[in-house]
């Protein structure tokens, strides 16, 4: 066996019992090099999630969604950092998040003063724009999407339709669920 540094390969010569020789050229594996690549959908999901999540949160969401790295490993903070670094994706920044107006579903619902479920249903119907890159991950919503005329009218309509199920009465009893 010999290493050809110029070609980046290992040259192996097999001497067979019958006197025949076979020369094999095997590419050298470079440190950090892998033939396995992370699918572009996962890279795109990280690009979206980094707007609102830390690397730990992204790793957890991808693992919960059943996604694995290009090598078939579970996602960890270090693997998310490596993917971001390789693809030039900047890390999560609370300052950038605030400046660009990125919100989670819960934060967006609070902003509109409606429930999260109502907002999610409106998003699924296409009434409000949002991104949901992972099945078991968070929704990513920009504040500008909540300030459109359609979104504002939707929120006003929902707030007007609210019914208060609480009846104020003197004969209403109290149920005590004491933990003792």
N, C-alpha and C. Protein backbone atom coordinates (compact mmCIF):
# COMPACT_ATOMS: atom_id res chain seq x y z
N UNK A 1 0.85 -1.17 0.00
CA UNK A 1 0.00 0.00 0.00
C UNK A 1 0.89 1.22 0.00
N UNK A 2 0.38 2.28 -0.65
CA UNK A 2 1.12 3.53 -0.71
C UNK A 2 0.09 4.67 -0.70
N UNK A 3 0.49 5.81 -0.21
CA UNK A 3 -0.38 6.98 -0.18
C UNK A 3 0.09 7.95 -1.26
N UNK A 4 -0.83 8.32 -2.14
CA UNK A 4 -0.53 9.32 -3.17
C UNK A 4 -1.13 10.63 -2.68
N UNK A 5 -0.30 11.46 -2.07
CA UNK A 5 -0.76 12.73 -1.51
C UNK A 5 -1.27 13.69 -2.55
N UNK A 6 -0.65 13.69 -3.75
CA UNK A 6 -1.07 14.60 -4.81
C UNK A 6 -2.49 14.28 -5.28
N UNK A 7 -2.78 13.00 -5.48
CA UNK A 7 -4.10 12.59 -5.96
C UNK A 7 -5.10 12.44 -4.81
N UNK A 8 -4.60 12.42 -3.57
CA UNK A 8 -5.49 12.29 -2.41
C UNK A 8 -6.11 10.91 -2.33
N UNK A 9 -5.29 9.90 -2.60
CA UNK A 9 -5.82 8.54 -2.57
C UNK A 9 -4.78 7.56 -2.04
N UNK A 10 -5.27 6.40 -1.69
CA UNK A 10 -4.40 5.30 -1.26
C UNK A 10 -4.33 4.32 -2.42
N UNK A 11 -3.12 3.92 -2.77
CA UNK A 11 -2.92 2.97 -3.85
C UNK A 11 -2.55 1.64 -3.21
N UNK A 12 -3.38 0.64 -3.46
CA UNK A 12 -3.15 -0.69 -2.91
C UNK A 12 -2.93 -1.66 -4.06
N UNK A 13 -1.91 -2.49 -3.94
CA UNK A 13 -1.64 -3.52 -4.95
C UNK A 13 -1.87 -4.87 -4.29
N UNK A 14 -2.78 -5.63 -4.87
CA UNK A 14 -3.10 -6.96 -4.35
C UNK A 14 -2.34 -7.97 -5.20
N UNK A 15 -1.51 -8.80 -4.57
CA UNK A 15 -0.75 -9.85 -5.26
C UNK A 15 -1.51 -11.16 -5.07
N UNK A 16 -2.16 -11.62 -6.13
CA UNK A 16 -2.97 -12.83 -6.07
C UNK A 16 -2.09 -14.07 -6.14
N UNK A 17 -2.60 -15.16 -5.65
CA UNK A 17 -1.87 -16.44 -5.57
C UNK A 17 -1.42 -16.92 -6.96
N UNK A 18 -2.19 -16.64 -7.98
CA UNK A 18 -1.86 -17.09 -9.33
C UNK A 18 -0.84 -16.22 -10.03
N UNK A 19 -0.36 -15.17 -9.37
CA UNK A 19 0.64 -14.30 -9.96
C UNK A 19 0.09 -13.03 -10.57
N UNK A 20 -1.21 -12.84 -10.56
CA UNK A 20 -1.83 -11.63 -11.10
C UNK A 20 -1.79 -10.55 -10.03
N UNK A 21 -1.59 -9.32 -10.46
CA UNK A 21 -1.57 -8.17 -9.54
C UNK A 21 -2.73 -7.23 -9.90
N UNK A 22 -3.47 -6.76 -8.87
CA UNK A 22 -4.57 -5.82 -9.07
C UNK A 22 -4.24 -4.55 -8.29
N UNK A 23 -4.32 -3.43 -8.98
CA UNK A 23 -4.04 -2.14 -8.34
C UNK A 23 -5.36 -1.43 -8.05
N UNK A 24 -5.54 -1.06 -6.80
CA UNK A 24 -6.76 -0.36 -6.37
C UNK A 24 -6.42 1.06 -5.97
N UNK A 25 -7.27 2.00 -6.36
CA UNK A 25 -7.11 3.40 -5.97
C UNK A 25 -8.29 3.76 -5.07
N UNK A 26 -8.02 4.01 -3.81
CA UNK A 26 -9.06 4.28 -2.82
C UNK A 26 -8.93 5.73 -2.38
N UNK A 27 -9.99 6.55 -2.52
CA UNK A 27 -9.90 7.95 -2.09
C UNK A 27 -9.67 8.04 -0.58
N UNK A 28 -8.76 8.93 -0.20
CA UNK A 28 -8.49 9.15 1.22
C UNK A 28 -9.62 9.95 1.83
N UNK A 29 -10.01 9.54 3.00
CA UNK A 29 -11.03 10.30 3.72
C UNK A 29 -10.32 11.42 4.47
N UNK A 30 -10.72 12.61 4.18
CA UNK A 30 -10.12 13.77 4.85
C UNK A 30 -10.84 14.03 6.16
N UNK A 31 -10.14 14.57 7.10
CA UNK A 31 -10.72 14.88 8.42
C UNK A 31 -11.89 15.83 8.23
N UNK A 32 -13.03 15.46 8.82
CA UNK A 32 -14.22 16.30 8.72
C UNK A 32 -14.99 16.13 7.43
N UNK A 33 -14.47 15.30 6.53
CA UNK A 33 -15.14 15.10 5.25
C UNK A 33 -16.08 13.91 5.34
N UNK A 34 -17.23 14.05 4.79
CA UNK A 34 -18.20 12.96 4.79
C UNK A 34 -18.95 12.99 3.47
N UNK A 35 -19.25 11.82 2.97
CA UNK A 35 -20.04 11.75 1.73
C UNK A 35 -21.51 12.00 2.01
N UNK A 36 -21.92 11.77 3.24
CA UNK A 36 -23.33 11.98 3.60
C UNK A 36 -23.61 13.47 3.75
N UNK A 37 -24.71 13.89 3.20
CA UNK A 37 -25.08 15.30 3.29
C UNK A 37 -26.46 15.42 3.94
N UNK A 38 -26.62 16.48 4.69
CA UNK A 38 -27.91 16.76 5.30
C UNK A 38 -28.86 17.23 4.20
N UNK A 39 -30.07 16.68 4.16
CA UNK A 39 -31.02 17.09 3.12
C UNK A 39 -31.29 18.60 3.16
N UNK A 40 -31.51 19.21 1.99
CA UNK A 40 -31.73 20.66 1.93
C UNK A 40 -32.95 21.12 2.73
N UNK A 41 -33.96 20.25 2.90
CA UNK A 41 -35.15 20.64 3.68
C UNK A 41 -34.77 20.90 5.14
N UNK A 42 -33.83 20.12 5.65
CA UNK A 42 -33.40 20.32 7.04
C UNK A 42 -32.59 21.60 7.16
N UNK A 43 -31.73 21.87 6.18
CA UNK A 43 -30.96 23.12 6.19
C UNK A 43 -31.91 24.32 6.14
N UNK A 44 -32.94 24.23 5.29
CA UNK A 44 -33.92 25.31 5.20
C UNK A 44 -34.68 25.49 6.52
N UNK A 45 -35.01 24.36 7.17
CA UNK A 45 -35.71 24.44 8.46
C UNK A 45 -34.85 25.15 9.50
N UNK A 46 -33.56 24.87 9.51
CA UNK A 46 -32.65 25.55 10.45
C UNK A 46 -32.58 27.03 10.14
N UNK A 47 -32.54 27.39 8.86
CA UNK A 47 -32.53 28.82 8.47
C UNK A 47 -33.74 29.56 9.04
N UNK A 48 -34.89 28.89 9.05
CA UNK A 48 -36.12 29.51 9.57
C UNK A 48 -36.12 29.52 11.09
N UNK A 49 -35.80 28.39 11.70
CA UNK A 49 -35.88 28.26 13.16
C UNK A 49 -34.87 29.13 13.90
N UNK A 50 -33.73 29.40 13.28
CA UNK A 50 -32.70 30.20 13.96
C UNK A 50 -33.19 31.64 14.19
N UNK A 51 -34.28 32.01 13.56
CA UNK A 51 -34.86 33.34 13.78
C UNK A 51 -35.45 33.48 15.18
N UNK A 52 -35.92 32.33 15.75
CA UNK A 52 -36.59 32.41 17.05
C UNK A 52 -36.03 31.45 18.10
N UNK A 53 -35.12 30.55 17.72
CA UNK A 53 -34.69 29.49 18.63
C UNK A 53 -33.17 29.40 18.77
N UNK A 54 -32.76 28.93 19.93
CA UNK A 54 -31.35 28.61 20.15
C UNK A 54 -31.03 27.27 19.49
N UNK A 55 -29.74 26.96 19.40
CA UNK A 55 -29.32 25.70 18.80
C UNK A 55 -29.85 24.49 19.58
N UNK A 56 -29.91 24.59 20.91
CA UNK A 56 -30.47 23.50 21.73
C UNK A 56 -31.93 23.24 21.37
N UNK A 57 -32.70 24.30 21.25
CA UNK A 57 -34.12 24.17 20.93
C UNK A 57 -34.32 23.59 19.54
N UNK A 58 -33.51 24.02 18.59
CA UNK A 58 -33.59 23.51 17.22
C UNK A 58 -33.27 22.01 17.21
N UNK A 59 -32.22 21.61 17.92
CA UNK A 59 -31.84 20.20 17.98
C UNK A 59 -32.97 19.37 18.57
N UNK A 60 -33.59 19.85 19.63
CA UNK A 60 -34.71 19.13 20.24
C UNK A 60 -35.89 19.01 19.30
N UNK A 61 -36.22 20.09 18.60
CA UNK A 61 -37.36 20.06 17.67
C UNK A 61 -37.10 19.09 16.51
N UNK A 62 -35.87 19.08 16.01
CA UNK A 62 -35.56 18.18 14.89
C UNK A 62 -35.57 16.72 15.35
N UNK A 63 -35.08 16.46 16.54
CA UNK A 63 -35.11 15.09 17.07
C UNK A 63 -36.54 14.64 17.32
N UNK A 64 -37.38 15.52 17.89
CA UNK A 64 -38.80 15.19 18.11
C UNK A 64 -39.52 14.91 16.80
N UNK A 65 -39.09 15.56 15.74
CA UNK A 65 -39.71 15.37 14.43
C UNK A 65 -39.19 14.11 13.74
N UNK A 66 -38.26 13.41 14.39
CA UNK A 66 -37.73 12.17 13.83
C UNK A 66 -36.67 12.38 12.77
N UNK A 67 -36.11 13.58 12.70
CA UNK A 67 -35.09 13.87 11.70
C UNK A 67 -33.72 13.49 12.23
N UNK A 68 -32.84 13.06 11.34
CA UNK A 68 -31.48 12.69 11.71
C UNK A 68 -30.50 13.43 10.79
N UNK A 69 -29.24 13.44 11.20
CA UNK A 69 -28.20 14.09 10.40
C UNK A 69 -27.95 13.26 9.14
N UNK A 70 -27.12 13.78 8.26
CA UNK A 70 -26.77 13.05 7.05
C UNK A 70 -26.12 11.71 7.35
N UNK A 71 -25.48 11.58 8.50
CA UNK A 71 -24.84 10.34 8.93
C UNK A 71 -25.79 9.45 9.72
N UNK A 72 -27.04 9.89 9.91
CA UNK A 72 -28.03 9.08 10.62
C UNK A 72 -28.01 9.26 12.12
N UNK A 73 -27.35 10.31 12.61
CA UNK A 73 -27.27 10.57 14.05
C UNK A 73 -28.40 11.48 14.51
N UNK A 74 -28.67 11.41 15.81
CA UNK A 74 -29.64 12.34 16.42
C UNK A 74 -29.03 13.73 16.43
N UNK A 75 -29.90 14.73 16.43
CA UNK A 75 -29.42 16.11 16.44
C UNK A 75 -29.03 16.52 17.86
N UNK A 76 -27.91 17.20 17.96
CA UNK A 76 -27.45 17.79 19.21
C UNK A 76 -27.12 19.25 18.94
N UNK A 77 -26.90 20.00 20.00
CA UNK A 77 -26.53 21.40 19.85
C UNK A 77 -25.28 21.54 18.97
N UNK A 78 -24.29 20.69 19.22
CA UNK A 78 -23.04 20.76 18.46
C UNK A 78 -23.25 20.46 16.98
N UNK A 79 -24.14 19.53 16.69
CA UNK A 79 -24.40 19.20 15.28
C UNK A 79 -25.16 20.32 14.58
N UNK A 80 -26.04 21.00 15.28
CA UNK A 80 -26.74 22.16 14.71
C UNK A 80 -25.74 23.28 14.45
N UNK A 81 -24.83 23.50 15.41
CA UNK A 81 -23.80 24.53 15.23
C UNK A 81 -22.94 24.21 14.01
N UNK A 82 -22.57 22.94 13.86
CA UNK A 82 -21.75 22.52 12.72
C UNK A 82 -22.50 22.75 11.40
N UNK A 83 -23.77 22.40 11.36
CA UNK A 83 -24.57 22.61 10.15
C UNK A 83 -24.67 24.09 9.82
N UNK A 84 -24.95 24.90 10.84
CA UNK A 84 -25.05 26.35 10.61
C UNK A 84 -23.75 26.90 10.07
N UNK A 85 -22.65 26.48 10.69
CA UNK A 85 -21.34 26.96 10.30
C UNK A 85 -21.02 26.56 8.85
N UNK A 86 -21.31 25.32 8.51
CA UNK A 86 -21.03 24.81 7.16
C UNK A 86 -21.84 25.55 6.09
N UNK A 87 -23.07 25.92 6.43
CA UNK A 87 -23.96 26.57 5.46
C UNK A 87 -24.03 28.09 5.62
N UNK A 88 -23.22 28.64 6.49
CA UNK A 88 -23.19 30.11 6.65
C UNK A 88 -24.45 30.69 7.25
N UNK A 89 -25.10 29.94 8.13
CA UNK A 89 -26.32 30.41 8.79
C UNK A 89 -25.92 31.06 10.11
N UNK A 90 -26.28 32.31 10.33
CA UNK A 90 -25.89 32.98 11.57
C UNK A 90 -26.61 32.37 12.78
N UNK A 91 -26.01 32.48 13.96
CA UNK A 91 -26.67 31.93 15.16
C UNK A 91 -27.87 32.78 15.58
N UNK A 92 -28.68 32.21 16.46
CA UNK A 92 -29.82 32.93 17.01
C UNK A 92 -29.33 34.17 17.74
N UNK A 93 -30.06 35.26 17.57
CA UNK A 93 -29.75 36.50 18.26
C UNK A 93 -31.06 37.15 18.71
N UNK A 94 -31.19 37.34 20.02
CA UNK A 94 -32.40 37.97 20.55
C UNK A 94 -32.57 39.39 20.01
N UNK A 95 -31.46 40.09 19.84
CA UNK A 95 -31.53 41.46 19.31
C UNK A 95 -32.03 41.46 17.86
N UNK A 96 -31.49 40.54 17.05
CA UNK A 96 -31.93 40.47 15.65
C UNK A 96 -33.40 40.03 15.58
N UNK A 97 -33.78 39.10 16.44
CA UNK A 97 -35.16 38.63 16.48
C UNK A 97 -36.11 39.79 16.74
N UNK A 98 -35.77 40.60 17.73
CA UNK A 98 -36.62 41.74 18.08
C UNK A 98 -36.63 42.78 16.96
N UNK A 99 -35.46 43.07 16.39
CA UNK A 99 -35.36 44.08 15.34
C UNK A 99 -36.13 43.67 14.08
N UNK A 100 -36.08 42.37 13.74
CA UNK A 100 -36.75 41.90 12.53
C UNK A 100 -38.22 41.52 12.78
N UNK A 101 -38.62 41.42 14.05
CA UNK A 101 -40.03 41.18 14.38
C UNK A 101 -40.47 39.73 14.34
N UNK A 102 -39.58 38.78 14.66
CA UNK A 102 -39.95 37.36 14.62
C UNK A 102 -40.61 36.96 15.92
N UNK A 103 -41.71 36.18 15.80
CA UNK A 103 -42.50 35.74 16.96
C UNK A 103 -42.84 34.27 16.86
N UNK A 104 -43.08 33.66 18.02
CA UNK A 104 -43.64 32.31 18.06
C UNK A 104 -45.15 32.43 17.93
N UNK A 105 -45.83 31.30 17.80
CA UNK A 105 -47.29 31.31 17.70
C UNK A 105 -47.92 31.93 18.95
N UNK A 106 -47.43 31.57 20.12
CA UNK A 106 -47.98 32.10 21.37
C UNK A 106 -47.79 33.61 21.46
N UNK A 107 -46.60 34.07 21.10
CA UNK A 107 -46.33 35.51 21.15
C UNK A 107 -47.21 36.27 20.15
N UNK A 108 -47.38 35.69 18.96
CA UNK A 108 -48.23 36.33 17.94
C UNK A 108 -49.69 36.37 18.39
N UNK A 109 -50.15 35.29 19.03
CA UNK A 109 -51.53 35.26 19.53
C UNK A 109 -51.72 36.31 20.61
N UNK A 110 -50.75 36.45 21.50
CA UNK A 110 -50.82 37.49 22.54
C UNK A 110 -50.85 38.88 21.91
N UNK A 111 -50.06 39.06 20.86
CA UNK A 111 -50.01 40.35 20.16
C UNK A 111 -51.39 40.70 19.58
N UNK A 112 -52.08 39.69 19.02
CA UNK A 112 -53.40 39.92 18.43
C UNK A 112 -54.53 39.83 19.46
N UNK A 113 -54.20 39.40 20.66
CA UNK A 113 -55.17 39.23 21.74
C UNK A 113 -56.23 38.19 21.38
N UNK A 114 -55.76 37.07 20.80
CA UNK A 114 -56.62 35.94 20.50
C UNK A 114 -55.93 34.68 20.99
N UNK A 115 -56.61 33.56 20.97
CA UNK A 115 -56.00 32.32 21.44
C UNK A 115 -55.05 31.76 20.39
N UNK A 116 -54.11 30.97 20.87
CA UNK A 116 -53.15 30.34 19.98
C UNK A 116 -53.80 29.38 18.99
N UNK A 117 -54.81 28.66 19.45
CA UNK A 117 -55.51 27.71 18.57
C UNK A 117 -56.23 28.45 17.45
N UNK A 118 -56.87 29.55 17.79
CA UNK A 118 -57.58 30.35 16.79
C UNK A 118 -56.59 30.88 15.75
N UNK A 119 -55.44 31.35 16.22
CA UNK A 119 -54.42 31.87 15.29
C UNK A 119 -53.89 30.74 14.40
N UNK A 120 -53.62 29.58 14.98
CA UNK A 120 -53.10 28.46 14.19
C UNK A 120 -54.10 28.05 13.11
N UNK A 121 -55.37 28.01 13.44
CA UNK A 121 -56.38 27.67 12.45
C UNK A 121 -56.45 28.71 11.33
N UNK A 122 -56.30 29.98 11.69
CA UNK A 122 -56.30 31.04 10.68
C UNK A 122 -55.08 30.90 9.77
N UNK A 123 -53.95 30.54 10.34
CA UNK A 123 -52.73 30.34 9.55
C UNK A 123 -52.93 29.17 8.59
N UNK A 124 -53.49 28.08 9.10
CA UNK A 124 -53.71 26.90 8.26
C UNK A 124 -54.70 27.17 7.14
N UNK A 125 -55.64 28.10 7.36
CA UNK A 125 -56.59 28.48 6.30
C UNK A 125 -55.98 29.49 5.34
N UNK A 126 -54.79 29.99 5.64
CA UNK A 126 -54.11 30.93 4.76
C UNK A 126 -54.49 32.38 5.01
N UNK A 127 -55.15 32.67 6.12
CA UNK A 127 -55.56 34.04 6.43
C UNK A 127 -54.40 34.88 6.97
N UNK A 128 -53.42 34.21 7.59
CA UNK A 128 -52.25 34.90 8.14
C UNK A 128 -51.02 34.10 7.73
N UNK A 129 -50.00 34.82 7.30
CA UNK A 129 -48.79 34.17 6.81
C UNK A 129 -47.88 33.75 7.97
N UNK A 130 -47.38 32.51 7.90
CA UNK A 130 -46.46 31.98 8.90
C UNK A 130 -45.69 30.82 8.30
N UNK A 131 -44.62 30.44 8.98
CA UNK A 131 -43.82 29.29 8.53
C UNK A 131 -43.80 28.24 9.64
N UNK A 132 -43.88 26.99 9.22
CA UNK A 132 -43.85 25.86 10.16
C UNK A 132 -42.93 24.81 9.56
N UNK A 133 -41.61 24.99 9.71
CA UNK A 133 -40.67 24.14 9.00
C UNK A 133 -40.59 22.69 9.48
N UNK A 134 -40.99 22.42 10.71
CA UNK A 134 -40.94 21.06 11.25
C UNK A 134 -42.29 20.66 11.82
N UNK A 135 -42.68 19.42 11.60
CA UNK A 135 -43.98 18.95 12.09
C UNK A 135 -44.09 19.10 13.60
N UNK A 136 -43.04 18.81 14.33
CA UNK A 136 -43.06 18.91 15.79
C UNK A 136 -42.27 20.12 16.28
N UNK A 137 -42.23 21.14 15.46
CA UNK A 137 -41.47 22.34 15.82
C UNK A 137 -42.36 23.56 15.95
N UNK A 138 -41.76 24.66 16.33
CA UNK A 138 -42.54 25.88 16.52
C UNK A 138 -42.92 26.56 15.20
N UNK A 139 -43.97 27.36 15.28
CA UNK A 139 -44.37 28.22 14.18
C UNK A 139 -43.51 29.46 14.24
N UNK A 140 -43.18 30.03 13.08
CA UNK A 140 -42.38 31.25 13.00
C UNK A 140 -43.21 32.28 12.25
N UNK A 141 -43.49 33.40 12.93
CA UNK A 141 -44.37 34.42 12.38
C UNK A 141 -43.68 35.77 12.48
N UNK A 142 -43.80 36.56 11.44
CA UNK A 142 -43.23 37.89 11.47
C UNK A 142 -44.32 38.88 11.85
N UNK A 143 -43.95 39.86 12.66
CA UNK A 143 -44.91 40.87 13.12
C UNK A 143 -45.60 41.58 11.96
N UNK A 144 -44.91 41.76 10.84
CA UNK A 144 -45.52 42.41 9.67
C UNK A 144 -46.73 41.64 9.18
N UNK A 145 -46.70 40.29 9.30
CA UNK A 145 -47.85 39.48 8.88
C UNK A 145 -49.06 39.72 9.77
N UNK A 146 -48.82 40.16 11.00
CA UNK A 146 -49.92 40.42 11.94
C UNK A 146 -50.48 41.83 11.78
N UNK A 147 -49.76 42.66 11.05
CA UNK A 147 -50.17 44.05 10.89
C UNK A 147 -50.83 44.31 9.53
N UNK A 148 -51.05 43.25 8.75
CA UNK A 148 -51.75 43.43 7.49
C UNK A 148 -53.22 43.72 7.77
N UNK A 149 -53.89 44.33 6.82
CA UNK A 149 -55.30 44.67 7.01
C UNK A 149 -56.14 43.42 7.26
N UNK A 150 -55.83 42.35 6.53
CA UNK A 150 -56.58 41.10 6.68
C UNK A 150 -56.40 40.52 8.10
N UNK A 151 -55.18 40.54 8.62
CA UNK A 151 -54.92 39.99 9.96
C UNK A 151 -55.58 40.84 11.04
N UNK A 152 -55.53 42.16 10.90
CA UNK A 152 -56.14 43.06 11.88
C UNK A 152 -57.66 42.87 11.88
N UNK A 153 -58.27 42.79 10.71
CA UNK A 153 -59.71 42.57 10.63
C UNK A 153 -60.10 41.22 11.20
N UNK A 154 -59.29 40.20 10.94
CA UNK A 154 -59.55 38.87 11.49
C UNK A 154 -59.55 38.91 13.02
N UNK A 155 -58.53 39.52 13.61
CA UNK A 155 -58.43 39.58 15.07
C UNK A 155 -59.59 40.37 15.67
N UNK A 156 -59.97 41.47 15.03
CA UNK A 156 -61.11 42.26 15.53
C UNK A 156 -62.39 41.44 15.48
N UNK A 157 -62.59 40.72 14.37
CA UNK A 157 -63.78 39.89 14.23
C UNK A 157 -63.83 38.81 15.32
N UNK A 158 -62.71 38.19 15.60
CA UNK A 158 -62.65 37.15 16.63
C UNK A 158 -62.92 37.73 18.01
N UNK A 159 -62.34 38.87 18.30
CA UNK A 159 -62.56 39.49 19.62
C UNK A 159 -64.01 39.90 19.81
N UNK A 160 -64.69 40.32 18.74
CA UNK A 160 -66.10 40.70 18.83
C UNK A 160 -67.00 39.48 19.03
N UNK A 161 -66.57 38.33 18.51
CA UNK A 161 -67.38 37.12 18.59
C UNK A 161 -67.24 36.41 19.94
N UNK A 162 -66.28 36.81 20.72
CA UNK A 162 -66.05 36.13 22.00
C UNK A 162 -67.29 36.18 22.87
N UNK A 163 -67.51 35.07 23.50
CA UNK A 163 -68.59 35.00 24.48
C UNK A 163 -67.95 34.67 25.81
N UNK A 164 -68.39 35.31 26.84
CA UNK A 164 -67.84 35.05 28.15
C UNK A 164 -68.65 33.94 28.82
N UNK A 165 -68.05 32.74 28.99
CA UNK A 165 -68.81 31.63 29.56
C UNK A 165 -68.99 31.71 31.07
N UNK A 166 -68.36 32.66 31.70
CA UNK A 166 -68.45 32.76 33.16
C UNK A 166 -69.74 33.50 33.52
N UNK A 167 -70.53 32.86 34.37
CA UNK A 167 -71.77 33.48 34.84
C UNK A 167 -71.51 34.05 36.23
N UNK A 168 -71.77 35.30 36.38
CA UNK A 168 -71.60 35.93 37.67
C UNK A 168 -72.93 35.83 38.40
N UNK A 169 -72.91 35.09 39.47
CA UNK A 169 -74.13 34.89 40.24
C UNK A 169 -73.77 34.62 41.70
N UNK A 170 -74.66 34.97 42.57
CA UNK A 170 -74.41 34.77 44.00
C UNK A 170 -74.60 33.32 44.41
N UNK A 171 -75.32 32.55 43.63
CA UNK A 171 -75.60 31.16 44.01
C UNK A 171 -74.58 30.18 43.41
N UNK A 172 -73.61 30.72 42.70
CA UNK A 172 -72.61 29.85 42.08
C UNK A 172 -71.67 29.32 43.16
N UNK A 173 -71.49 28.01 43.21
CA UNK A 173 -70.64 27.39 44.21
C UNK A 173 -69.18 27.38 43.80
N UNK A 174 -68.32 27.05 44.74
CA UNK A 174 -66.89 26.96 44.50
C UNK A 174 -66.46 25.52 44.75
N UNK A 175 -65.71 24.97 43.83
CA UNK A 175 -65.17 23.62 44.02
C UNK A 175 -63.72 23.79 44.43
N UNK A 176 -63.37 23.19 45.57
CA UNK A 176 -62.01 23.31 46.09
C UNK A 176 -61.26 22.04 45.76
N UNK A 177 -60.24 22.16 44.91
CA UNK A 177 -59.38 21.02 44.57
C UNK A 177 -58.10 21.12 45.38
N UNK A 178 -58.24 20.93 46.66
CA UNK A 178 -57.09 21.04 47.55
C UNK A 178 -56.12 19.91 47.30
N UNK A 179 -54.85 20.21 47.37
CA UNK A 179 -53.80 19.20 47.16
C UNK A 179 -53.48 18.44 48.42
N UNK A 180 -54.12 18.77 49.54
CA UNK A 180 -53.81 18.09 50.80
C UNK A 180 -54.72 16.93 51.06
